[in-house]
Amino acid sequence: MTRIGLIERKTGETEIKVSLALDGSGAGERDTGVGFFDHMLDLLARHGHLDLGVEARGDLETGAHHTVEDVGICIGQALDEALDDRSGIARYGQATIPMDEARASCAIDISGRGLSAFEATLPPGAIGNFDHELAEEFFRAFAINAKLTLHVTVERGTNAHHVIEASFKALARALRRAVAVDPDEQGVPSTKGTLV
């Protein structure tokens, strides 16, 4: 079974190409023009066992908001495409990840319903050209377009870099579990018979 999604998106603000393979090893290049975001996508790929290629050009002179949000949209759409009808997947995944003084938890339901709940108190500010609030924007765009329910909760942490990194790693590990093929699941894991 090949589980791959390929998405291209071009708007007046961004131009993005995403390739995503669910059964990967973290391979691929991430180049968005937003250094810290590239690092977070590297973590998502590595800890999620995703082969993820991201090439993005955006209006960074206005800030990184459009780039980060649109990359989230495209990765979500690529995941949705790669999952096809969701047959045989575990569906649910969760993980709690420490990062020095920070700790974040993530729970995922590949439900067919896009929702993101991000519980964190991040101070105003930026890491490079990545404003702290862009983490929530990415999670929201990703969850809605992947058609999954995503809960990310920051349980503790004082360093924004550590908090955001723990959140992305928790997402990666929870996603890895949720998209895994379950040998005991014979069809779509829902009493409705569909998750799309």
N, C-alpha and C. Protein backbone atom coordinates (compact mmCIF):
# COMPACT_ATOMS: atom_id res chain seq x y z
N MET A 1 0.85 -1.18 0.00
CA MET A 1 0.00 0.00 0.00
C MET A 1 0.90 1.24 0.00
N THR A 2 0.69 2.10 -0.96
CA THR A 2 1.44 3.36 -1.04
C THR A 2 0.56 4.48 -0.51
N ARG A 3 1.04 5.15 0.52
CA ARG A 3 0.25 6.22 1.14
C ARG A 3 1.00 7.54 0.98
N ILE A 4 0.68 8.20 -0.13
CA ILE A 4 1.40 9.43 -0.50
C ILE A 4 0.40 10.52 -0.85
N GLY A 5 0.74 11.75 -0.46
CA GLY A 5 -0.04 12.92 -0.85
C GLY A 5 0.86 13.95 -1.51
N LEU A 6 0.39 14.53 -2.59
CA LEU A 6 1.13 15.57 -3.32
C LEU A 6 0.20 16.76 -3.50
N ILE A 7 0.61 17.92 -3.01
CA ILE A 7 -0.24 19.12 -3.06
C ILE A 7 0.57 20.30 -3.58
N GLU A 8 -0.05 21.08 -4.46
CA GLU A 8 0.52 22.36 -4.89
C GLU A 8 -0.54 23.43 -4.67
N ARG A 9 -0.11 24.57 -4.17
CA ARG A 9 -1.04 25.68 -3.88
C ARG A 9 -0.35 26.98 -4.27
N LYS A 10 -1.05 27.80 -5.03
CA LYS A 10 -0.51 29.10 -5.41
C LYS A 10 -1.57 30.16 -5.19
N THR A 11 -1.22 31.18 -4.41
CA THR A 11 -2.11 32.30 -4.16
C THR A 11 -1.33 33.59 -4.40
N GLY A 12 -1.98 34.71 -4.16
CA GLY A 12 -1.29 35.99 -4.28
C GLY A 12 -0.29 36.21 -3.16
N GLU A 13 -0.30 35.33 -2.14
CA GLU A 13 0.59 35.48 -0.98
C GLU A 13 1.67 34.42 -0.91
N THR A 14 1.36 33.20 -1.40
CA THR A 14 2.32 32.10 -1.27
C THR A 14 2.27 31.19 -2.48
N GLU A 15 3.36 30.45 -2.65
CA GLU A 15 3.44 29.37 -3.64
C GLU A 15 4.10 28.19 -2.94
N ILE A 16 3.37 27.07 -2.86
CA ILE A 16 3.81 25.97 -2.00
C ILE A 16 3.66 24.64 -2.73
N LYS A 17 4.66 23.78 -2.56
CA LYS A 17 4.61 22.38 -3.00
C LYS A 17 4.91 21.50 -1.80
N VAL A 18 4.07 20.49 -1.60
CA VAL A 18 4.25 19.55 -0.49
C VAL A 18 4.15 18.13 -1.02
N SER A 19 5.08 17.29 -0.63
CA SER A 19 4.98 15.84 -0.85
C SER A 19 5.08 15.18 0.52
N LEU A 20 4.22 14.21 0.74
CA LEU A 20 4.17 13.54 2.05
C LEU A 20 3.94 12.05 1.85
N ALA A 21 4.81 11.24 2.43
CA ALA A 21 4.64 9.79 2.44
C ALA A 21 4.53 9.35 3.89
N LEU A 22 3.46 8.65 4.22
CA LEU A 22 3.19 8.29 5.61
C LEU A 22 4.16 7.25 6.16
N ASP A 23 4.65 6.36 5.33
CA ASP A 23 5.49 5.27 5.81
C ASP A 23 6.94 5.55 5.46
N GLY A 24 7.47 6.61 6.06
CA GLY A 24 8.80 7.07 5.72
C GLY A 24 9.77 7.00 6.88
N SER A 25 10.80 7.83 6.78
CA SER A 25 11.86 7.83 7.79
C SER A 25 12.29 9.23 8.19
N GLY A 26 11.58 10.25 7.70
CA GLY A 26 11.98 11.63 7.98
C GLY A 26 12.72 12.28 6.83
N ALA A 27 12.77 11.59 5.70
CA ALA A 27 13.49 12.13 4.53
C ALA A 27 12.76 13.34 3.96
N GLY A 28 13.47 14.08 3.12
CA GLY A 28 12.89 15.23 2.44
C GLY A 28 13.53 16.53 2.88
N GLU A 29 13.31 17.55 2.08
CA GLU A 29 13.83 18.89 2.37
C GLU A 29 12.68 19.79 2.76
N ARG A 30 12.90 20.62 3.77
CA ARG A 30 11.91 21.62 4.19
C ARG A 30 12.53 22.99 4.02
N ASP A 31 11.97 23.78 3.10
CA ASP A 31 12.53 25.10 2.80
C ASP A 31 11.38 26.09 2.66
N THR A 32 11.12 26.83 3.74
CA THR A 32 10.01 27.79 3.76
C THR A 32 10.47 29.23 3.82
N GLY A 33 11.76 29.44 4.06
CA GLY A 33 12.25 30.80 4.29
C GLY A 33 12.09 31.25 5.72
N VAL A 34 11.55 30.37 6.57
CA VAL A 34 11.35 30.67 7.99
C VAL A 34 12.13 29.60 8.76
N GLY A 35 13.33 29.95 9.20
CA GLY A 35 14.26 28.98 9.74
C GLY A 35 13.74 28.14 10.88
N PHE A 36 13.14 28.77 11.89
CA PHE A 36 12.62 28.01 13.02
C PHE A 36 11.49 27.09 12.59
N PHE A 37 10.65 27.53 11.67
CA PHE A 37 9.56 26.70 11.16
C PHE A 37 10.12 25.48 10.42
N ASP A 38 11.17 25.69 9.61
CA ASP A 38 11.81 24.56 8.94
C ASP A 38 12.28 23.53 9.97
N HIS A 39 12.84 24.01 11.07
CA HIS A 39 13.29 23.12 12.15
C HIS A 39 12.12 22.34 12.73
N MET A 40 10.98 22.99 12.94
CA MET A 40 9.80 22.31 13.47
C MET A 40 9.28 21.27 12.47
N LEU A 41 9.33 21.57 11.19
CA LEU A 41 8.90 20.61 10.17
C LEU A 41 9.87 19.44 10.09
N ASP A 42 11.16 19.69 10.31
CA ASP A 42 12.13 18.60 10.39
C ASP A 42 11.76 17.64 11.53
N LEU A 43 11.38 18.22 12.68
CA LEU A 43 10.99 17.40 13.83
C LEU A 43 9.72 16.61 13.53
N LEU A 44 8.75 17.26 12.87
CA LEU A 44 7.51 16.59 12.51
C LEU A 44 7.80 15.39 11.61
N ALA A 45 8.66 15.58 10.62
CA ALA A 45 9.01 14.49 9.71
C ALA A 45 9.75 13.37 10.42
N ARG A 46 10.76 13.72 11.18
CA ARG A 46 11.61 12.70 11.82
C ARG A 46 10.83 11.90 12.86
N HIS A 47 10.15 12.58 13.75
CA HIS A 47 9.45 11.87 14.83
C HIS A 47 8.12 11.29 14.38
N GLY A 48 7.58 11.78 13.27
CA GLY A 48 6.35 11.23 12.73
C GLY A 48 6.58 10.12 11.72
N HIS A 49 7.85 9.81 11.42
CA HIS A 49 8.20 8.83 10.39
C HIS A 49 7.53 9.18 9.06
N LEU A 50 7.62 10.46 8.72
CA LEU A 50 7.06 10.96 7.47
C LEU A 50 8.19 11.35 6.54
N ASP A 51 8.09 10.99 5.28
CA ASP A 51 8.95 11.60 4.27
C ASP A 51 8.20 12.84 3.82
N LEU A 52 8.77 14.00 4.11
CA LEU A 52 8.06 15.26 3.93
C LEU A 52 8.93 16.25 3.16
N GLY A 53 8.45 16.63 1.99
CA GLY A 53 9.11 17.67 1.22
C GLY A 53 8.24 18.91 1.21
N VAL A 54 8.83 20.04 1.57
CA VAL A 54 8.09 21.31 1.58
C VAL A 54 8.94 22.37 0.91
N GLU A 55 8.39 22.95 -0.14
CA GLU A 55 9.03 24.08 -0.82
C GLU A 55 8.02 25.22 -0.81
N ALA A 56 8.35 26.29 -0.11
CA ALA A 56 7.40 27.40 0.04
C ALA A 56 8.08 28.73 -0.23
N ARG A 57 7.38 29.58 -0.98
CA ARG A 57 7.79 30.96 -1.19
C ARG A 57 6.60 31.82 -0.81
N GLY A 58 6.84 32.74 0.12
CA GLY A 58 5.74 33.57 0.58
C GLY A 58 6.14 35.01 0.73
N ASP A 59 5.17 35.83 1.08
CA ASP A 59 5.39 37.27 1.25
C ASP A 59 5.97 37.56 2.63
N LEU A 60 7.19 37.08 2.85
CA LEU A 60 7.81 37.19 4.17
C LEU A 60 8.09 38.63 4.58
N GLU A 61 8.05 39.55 3.62
CA GLU A 61 8.23 40.95 3.98
C GLU A 61 7.07 41.45 4.85
N THR A 62 5.94 40.76 4.81
CA THR A 62 4.81 41.13 5.67
C THR A 62 4.78 40.29 6.95
N GLY A 63 5.74 39.39 7.09
CA GLY A 63 5.77 38.46 8.22
C GLY A 63 5.57 37.05 7.71
N ALA A 64 5.67 36.09 8.62
CA ALA A 64 5.63 34.67 8.24
C ALA A 64 4.24 34.06 8.32
N HIS A 65 3.24 34.85 8.71
CA HIS A 65 1.90 34.30 8.96
C HIS A 65 1.35 33.53 7.75
N HIS A 66 1.33 34.16 6.57
CA HIS A 66 0.74 33.51 5.40
C HIS A 66 1.49 32.23 5.04
N THR A 67 2.80 32.27 5.13
CA THR A 67 3.62 31.10 4.79
C THR A 67 3.32 29.95 5.73
N VAL A 68 3.34 30.21 7.03
CA VAL A 68 3.12 29.15 8.01
C VAL A 68 1.71 28.58 7.88
N GLU A 69 0.71 29.44 7.78
CA GLU A 69 -0.67 28.96 7.66
C GLU A 69 -0.87 28.15 6.38
N ASP A 70 -0.35 28.64 5.26
CA ASP A 70 -0.56 27.95 4.00
C ASP A 70 0.20 26.63 3.93
N VAL A 71 1.37 26.57 4.55
CA VAL A 71 2.07 25.28 4.64
C VAL A 71 1.25 24.31 5.47
N GLY A 72 0.64 24.79 6.56
CA GLY A 72 -0.24 23.94 7.36
C GLY A 72 -1.40 23.41 6.53
N ILE A 73 -2.00 24.27 5.73
CA ILE A 73 -3.09 23.85 4.84
C ILE A 73 -2.61 22.74 3.91
N CYS A 74 -1.47 22.95 3.29
CA CYS A 74 -0.97 21.99 2.30
C CYS A 74 -0.56 20.66 2.93
N ILE A 75 0.10 20.69 4.07
CA ILE A 75 0.47 19.43 4.73
C ILE A 75 -0.80 18.69 5.17
N GLY A 76 -1.79 19.42 5.67
CA GLY A 76 -3.06 18.80 6.03
C GLY A 76 -3.73 18.15 4.83
N GLN A 77 -3.76 18.85 3.70
CA GLN A 77 -4.37 18.29 2.49
C GLN A 77 -3.59 17.07 1.99
N ALA A 78 -2.27 17.13 2.10
CA ALA A 78 -1.45 15.99 1.67
C ALA A 78 -1.71 14.78 2.56
N LEU A 79 -1.86 15.01 3.86
CA LEU A 79 -2.17 13.90 4.77
C LEU A 79 -3.53 13.31 4.44
N ASP A 80 -4.51 14.17 4.21
CA ASP A 80 -5.86 13.72 3.85
C ASP A 80 -5.81 12.85 2.59
N GLU A 81 -5.05 13.29 1.60
CA GLU A 81 -4.91 12.53 0.35
C GLU A 81 -4.22 11.20 0.59
N ALA A 82 -3.16 11.21 1.40
CA ALA A 82 -2.40 9.98 1.65
C ALA A 82 -3.22 8.95 2.41
N LEU A 83 -4.12 9.40 3.26
CA LEU A 83 -4.93 8.47 4.06
C LEU A 83 -6.07 7.86 3.26
N ASP A 84 -6.41 8.44 2.13
CA ASP A 84 -7.47 7.93 1.27
C ASP A 84 -8.76 7.74 2.08
N ASP A 85 -9.29 6.53 2.16
CA ASP A 85 -10.56 6.33 2.88
C ASP A 85 -10.36 5.96 4.35
N ARG A 86 -9.11 5.98 4.82
CA ARG A 86 -8.74 5.70 6.21
C ARG A 86 -8.86 4.23 6.59
N SER A 87 -9.06 3.38 5.64
CA SER A 87 -9.21 1.96 5.93
C SER A 87 -7.95 1.39 6.56
N GLY A 88 -8.12 0.64 7.65
CA GLY A 88 -7.03 -0.08 8.28
C GLY A 88 -6.14 0.71 9.22
N ILE A 89 -6.45 1.99 9.46
CA ILE A 89 -5.58 2.80 10.34
C ILE A 89 -5.98 2.64 11.80
N ALA A 90 -5.06 2.99 12.69
CA ALA A 90 -5.34 2.96 14.12
C ALA A 90 -6.36 4.03 14.51
N ARG A 91 -6.35 5.14 13.83
CA ARG A 91 -7.25 6.28 13.98
C ARG A 91 -6.86 7.20 15.13
N TYR A 92 -6.57 6.66 16.30
CA TYR A 92 -6.26 7.48 17.48
C TYR A 92 -4.78 7.42 17.79
N GLY A 93 -4.26 8.54 18.30
CA GLY A 93 -2.88 8.57 18.75
C GLY A 93 -2.69 9.62 19.81
N GLN A 94 -1.80 9.37 20.72
CA GLN A 94 -1.49 10.37 21.74
C GLN A 94 -0.03 10.22 22.16
N ALA A 95 0.52 11.34 22.65
CA ALA A 95 1.91 11.36 23.09
C ALA A 95 2.11 12.53 24.04
N THR A 96 2.99 12.33 25.00
CA THR A 96 3.44 13.40 25.89
C THR A 96 4.95 13.48 25.76
N ILE A 97 5.44 14.68 25.49
CA ILE A 97 6.87 14.87 25.20
C ILE A 97 7.46 15.94 26.11
N PRO A 98 8.55 15.61 26.83
CA PRO A 98 9.28 16.64 27.57
C PRO A 98 10.36 17.26 26.69
N MET A 99 10.61 18.53 26.92
CA MET A 99 11.72 19.23 26.26
C MET A 99 12.31 20.15 27.32
N ASP A 100 13.35 19.67 27.99
CA ASP A 100 13.92 20.37 29.13
C ASP A 100 12.82 20.71 30.14
N GLU A 101 12.58 21.97 30.45
CA GLU A 101 11.58 22.32 31.47
C GLU A 101 10.14 22.28 30.94
N ALA A 102 9.99 22.14 29.61
CA ALA A 102 8.66 22.15 28.99
C ALA A 102 8.14 20.73 28.82
N ARG A 103 6.81 20.62 28.80
CA ARG A 103 6.16 19.34 28.54
C ARG A 103 4.85 19.60 27.82
N ALA A 104 4.65 18.88 26.71
CA ALA A 104 3.42 19.06 25.91
C ALA A 104 2.83 17.70 25.59
N SER A 105 1.50 17.68 25.53
CA SER A 105 0.76 16.46 25.17
C SER A 105 -0.07 16.73 23.93
N CYS A 106 -0.24 15.68 23.15
CA CYS A 106 -1.07 15.77 21.95
C CYS A 106 -1.94 14.53 21.86
N ALA A 107 -3.20 14.74 21.52
CA ALA A 107 -4.13 13.64 21.25
C ALA A 107 -4.78 13.90 19.90
N ILE A 108 -4.88 12.84 19.09
CA ILE A 108 -5.41 12.94 17.73
C ILE A 108 -6.49 11.91 17.52
N ASP A 109 -7.55 12.33 16.85
CA ASP A 109 -8.57 11.43 16.33
C ASP A 109 -8.72 11.75 14.85
N ILE A 110 -8.39 10.82 13.99
CA ILE A 110 -8.57 11.02 12.55
C ILE A 110 -10.04 10.75 12.27
N SER A 111 -10.83 11.75 12.56
CA SER A 111 -12.28 11.63 12.70
C SER A 111 -13.06 12.00 11.44
N GLY A 112 -12.41 12.69 10.51
CA GLY A 112 -13.13 13.26 9.38
C GLY A 112 -13.66 14.64 9.68
N ARG A 113 -13.43 15.10 10.91
CA ARG A 113 -13.90 16.43 11.33
C ARG A 113 -12.69 17.25 11.78
N GLY A 114 -12.45 18.35 11.12
CA GLY A 114 -11.29 19.18 11.42
C GLY A 114 -11.54 20.09 12.61
N LEU A 115 -10.71 19.94 13.64
CA LEU A 115 -10.80 20.79 14.82
C LEU A 115 -9.43 20.84 15.48
N SER A 116 -9.05 22.01 15.94
CA SER A 116 -7.79 22.17 16.67
C SER A 116 -8.05 22.89 17.98
N ALA A 117 -7.59 22.28 19.07
CA ALA A 117 -7.65 22.91 20.39
C ALA A 117 -6.22 23.00 20.91
N PHE A 118 -5.71 24.22 20.99
CA PHE A 118 -4.33 24.45 21.44
C PHE A 118 -4.39 25.19 22.76
N GLU A 119 -3.95 24.53 23.82
CA GLU A 119 -3.98 25.12 25.16
C GLU A 119 -2.55 25.42 25.58
N ALA A 120 -2.20 26.68 25.50
CA ALA A 120 -0.85 27.11 25.87
C ALA A 120 -0.86 28.59 26.19
N THR A 121 0.04 28.96 27.06
CA THR A 121 0.25 30.37 27.34
C THR A 121 1.65 30.71 26.88
N LEU A 122 1.72 31.33 25.70
CA LEU A 122 3.01 31.71 25.16
C LEU A 122 3.17 33.22 25.28
N PRO A 123 4.34 33.68 25.68
CA PRO A 123 4.55 35.12 25.77
C PRO A 123 4.59 35.73 24.37
N PRO A 124 4.26 37.01 24.22
CA PRO A 124 4.45 37.66 22.93
C PRO A 124 5.92 37.60 22.55
N GLY A 125 6.18 37.51 21.27
CA GLY A 125 7.57 37.49 20.83
C GLY A 125 7.75 36.60 19.62
N ALA A 126 8.99 36.42 19.22
CA ALA A 126 9.30 35.64 18.03
C ALA A 126 10.62 34.92 18.23
N ILE A 127 10.75 33.81 17.51
CA ILE A 127 12.01 33.08 17.41
C ILE A 127 12.45 33.26 15.96
N GLY A 128 13.45 34.09 15.74
CA GLY A 128 13.78 34.48 14.38
C GLY A 128 12.60 35.24 13.80
N ASN A 129 12.13 34.81 12.62
CA ASN A 129 10.96 35.46 12.02
C ASN A 129 9.68 34.64 12.21
N PHE A 130 9.69 33.77 13.23
CA PHE A 130 8.53 32.94 13.56
C PHE A 130 7.89 33.49 14.84
N ASP A 131 6.77 34.21 14.68
CA ASP A 131 6.05 34.71 15.85
C ASP A 131 5.48 33.53 16.62
N HIS A 132 5.53 33.62 17.95
CA HIS A 132 5.09 32.50 18.79
C HIS A 132 3.68 32.03 18.45
N GLU A 133 2.77 32.97 18.17
CA GLU A 133 1.37 32.58 17.92
C GLU A 133 1.20 31.79 16.62
N LEU A 134 2.24 31.73 15.79
CA LEU A 134 2.13 30.98 14.55
C LEU A 134 2.08 29.47 14.77
N ALA A 135 2.52 29.01 15.93
CA ALA A 135 2.38 27.58 16.24
C ALA A 135 0.90 27.20 16.21
N GLU A 136 0.07 27.99 16.88
CA GLU A 136 -1.36 27.71 16.89
C GLU A 136 -1.96 27.82 15.49
N GLU A 137 -1.50 28.79 14.70
CA GLU A 137 -2.02 28.94 13.34
C GLU A 137 -1.69 27.70 12.49
N PHE A 138 -0.49 27.18 12.65
CA PHE A 138 -0.12 25.98 11.92
C PHE A 138 -1.00 24.80 12.33
N PHE A 139 -1.14 24.57 13.64
CA PHE A 139 -1.93 23.43 14.12
C PHE A 139 -3.36 23.52 13.60
N ARG A 140 -3.94 24.72 13.62
CA ARG A 140 -5.32 24.88 13.16
C ARG A 140 -5.45 24.58 11.67
N ALA A 141 -4.58 25.17 10.86
CA ALA A 141 -4.65 24.96 9.41
C ALA A 141 -4.43 23.49 9.07
N PHE A 142 -3.49 22.86 9.75
CA PHE A 142 -3.18 21.45 9.52
C PHE A 142 -4.38 20.58 9.87
N ALA A 143 -4.94 20.75 11.07
CA ALA A 143 -6.03 19.90 11.54
C ALA A 143 -7.27 20.02 10.67
N ILE A 144 -7.65 21.24 10.34
CA ILE A 144 -8.86 21.44 9.54
C ILE A 144 -8.72 20.79 8.16
N ASN A 145 -7.56 20.93 7.55
CA ASN A 145 -7.38 20.42 6.20
C ASN A 145 -7.06 18.93 6.17
N ALA A 146 -6.55 18.38 7.26
CA ALA A 146 -6.35 16.93 7.35
C ALA A 146 -7.62 16.23 7.79
N LYS A 147 -8.63 17.01 8.20
CA LYS A 147 -9.91 16.47 8.67
C LYS A 147 -9.72 15.58 9.89
N LEU A 148 -8.96 16.12 10.86
CA LEU A 148 -8.75 15.38 12.09
C LEU A 148 -8.97 16.29 13.29
N THR A 149 -9.24 15.66 14.42
CA THR A 149 -9.40 16.38 15.68
C THR A 149 -8.06 16.36 16.39
N LEU A 150 -7.57 17.55 16.72
CA LEU A 150 -6.22 17.71 17.29
C LEU A 150 -6.31 18.49 18.59
N HIS A 151 -5.80 17.91 19.65
CA HIS A 151 -5.69 18.60 20.93
C HIS A 151 -4.21 18.65 21.30
N VAL A 152 -3.67 19.84 21.45
CA VAL A 152 -2.30 20.03 21.94
C VAL A 152 -2.39 20.83 23.22
N THR A 153 -1.85 20.28 24.29
CA THR A 153 -1.88 20.93 25.60
C THR A 153 -0.47 21.08 26.11
N VAL A 154 -0.07 22.31 26.40
CA VAL A 154 1.22 22.55 27.03
C VAL A 154 1.02 22.46 28.53
N GLU A 155 1.64 21.47 29.13
CA GLU A 155 1.43 21.19 30.55
C GLU A 155 2.32 22.05 31.44
N ARG A 156 3.49 22.42 30.91
CA ARG A 156 4.39 23.29 31.65
C ARG A 156 5.46 23.80 30.70
N GLY A 157 6.17 24.85 31.13
CA GLY A 157 7.27 25.36 30.33
C GLY A 157 7.37 26.87 30.42
N THR A 158 8.59 27.37 30.42
CA THR A 158 8.84 28.81 30.50
C THR A 158 9.58 29.34 29.29
N ASN A 159 10.21 28.47 28.53
CA ASN A 159 10.98 28.86 27.37
C ASN A 159 10.13 28.60 26.12
N ALA A 160 9.80 29.65 25.38
CA ALA A 160 8.89 29.50 24.23
C ALA A 160 9.44 28.53 23.20
N HIS A 161 10.75 28.56 22.96
CA HIS A 161 11.35 27.62 22.01
C HIS A 161 11.07 26.19 22.45
N HIS A 162 11.32 25.89 23.71
CA HIS A 162 11.11 24.54 24.22
C HIS A 162 9.63 24.14 24.17
N VAL A 163 8.75 25.07 24.51
CA VAL A 163 7.31 24.79 24.51
C VAL A 163 6.83 24.44 23.10
N ILE A 164 7.23 25.24 22.12
CA ILE A 164 6.79 25.00 20.74
C ILE A 164 7.41 23.71 20.21
N GLU A 165 8.67 23.48 20.52
CA GLU A 165 9.33 22.25 20.06
C GLU A 165 8.67 21.02 20.67
N ALA A 166 8.38 21.05 21.95
CA ALA A 166 7.69 19.92 22.59
C ALA A 166 6.33 19.69 21.95
N SER A 167 5.65 20.75 21.59
CA SER A 167 4.32 20.64 20.96
C SER A 167 4.42 19.96 19.60
N PHE A 168 5.39 20.36 18.78
CA PHE A 168 5.55 19.75 17.47
C PHE A 168 5.98 18.28 17.58
N LYS A 169 6.85 17.98 18.54
CA LYS A 169 7.26 16.58 18.72
C LYS A 169 6.09 15.73 19.20
N ALA A 170 5.27 16.29 20.10
CA ALA A 170 4.10 15.54 20.56
C ALA A 170 3.14 15.29 19.40
N LEU A 171 2.93 16.31 18.55
CA LEU A 171 2.10 16.13 17.36
C LEU A 171 2.66 15.01 16.49
N ALA A 172 3.95 15.02 16.26
CA ALA A 172 4.58 14.02 15.39
C ALA A 172 4.37 12.62 15.93
N ARG A 173 4.63 12.43 17.21
CA ARG A 173 4.51 11.09 17.80
C ARG A 173 3.06 10.62 17.85
N ALA A 174 2.13 11.51 18.16
CA ALA A 174 0.72 11.14 18.17
C ALA A 174 0.24 10.81 16.77
N LEU A 175 0.66 11.59 15.79
CA LEU A 175 0.27 11.36 14.40
C LEU A 175 0.81 10.02 13.91
N ARG A 176 2.04 9.73 14.26
CA ARG A 176 2.67 8.46 13.88
C ARG A 176 1.82 7.28 14.34
N ARG A 177 1.29 7.36 15.55
CA ARG A 177 0.45 6.29 16.07
C ARG A 177 -0.91 6.25 15.39
N ALA A 178 -1.49 7.42 15.14
CA ALA A 178 -2.84 7.48 14.58
C ALA A 178 -2.90 6.98 13.14
N VAL A 179 -1.87 7.25 12.35
CA VAL A 179 -1.89 6.83 10.94
C VAL A 179 -1.35 5.43 10.74
N ALA A 180 -0.84 4.82 11.80
CA ALA A 180 -0.26 3.48 11.68
C ALA A 180 -1.31 2.49 11.20
N VAL A 181 -0.86 1.55 10.40
CA VAL A 181 -1.74 0.48 9.95
C VAL A 181 -1.93 -0.50 11.10
N ASP A 182 -3.18 -0.77 11.44
CA ASP A 182 -3.55 -1.68 12.51
C ASP A 182 -3.91 -3.03 11.90
N PRO A 183 -3.10 -4.07 12.13
CA PRO A 183 -3.37 -5.36 11.49
C PRO A 183 -4.69 -5.99 11.94
N ASP A 184 -5.23 -5.52 13.06
CA ASP A 184 -6.51 -6.05 13.54
C ASP A 184 -7.71 -5.30 13.00
N GLU A 185 -7.45 -4.20 12.26
CA GLU A 185 -8.54 -3.39 11.72
C GLU A 185 -8.80 -3.79 10.28
N GLN A 186 -9.97 -4.35 10.02
CA GLN A 186 -10.28 -4.87 8.69
C GLN A 186 -10.87 -3.83 7.74
N GLY A 187 -11.33 -2.73 8.26
CA GLY A 187 -11.92 -1.71 7.40
C GLY A 187 -11.71 -0.33 7.98
N VAL A 188 -12.66 0.54 7.75
CA VAL A 188 -12.60 1.89 8.30
C VAL A 188 -12.98 1.82 9.78
N PRO A 189 -12.15 2.35 10.67
CA PRO A 189 -12.41 2.24 12.11
C PRO A 189 -13.49 3.22 12.59
N SER A 190 -14.70 2.94 12.19
CA SER A 190 -15.84 3.77 12.58
C SER A 190 -17.12 2.96 12.43
N THR A 191 -18.06 3.13 13.37
CA THR A 191 -19.35 2.47 13.25
C THR A 191 -20.16 3.06 12.10
N LYS A 192 -19.80 4.28 11.67
CA LYS A 192 -20.49 4.91 10.53
C LYS A 192 -20.06 4.30 9.20
N GLY A 193 -18.89 3.69 9.21
CA GLY A 193 -18.36 3.11 7.96
C GLY A 193 -17.57 4.09 7.12
N THR A 194 -17.41 5.32 7.61
CA THR A 194 -16.65 6.33 6.87
C THR A 194 -16.01 7.33 7.84
N LEU A 195 -14.84 7.84 7.44
CA LEU A 195 -14.14 8.87 8.21
C LEU A 195 -13.77 10.04 7.30
N VAL A 196 -14.44 10.16 6.17
CA VAL A 196 -14.11 11.26 5.26
C VAL A 196 -15.34 12.13 5.06
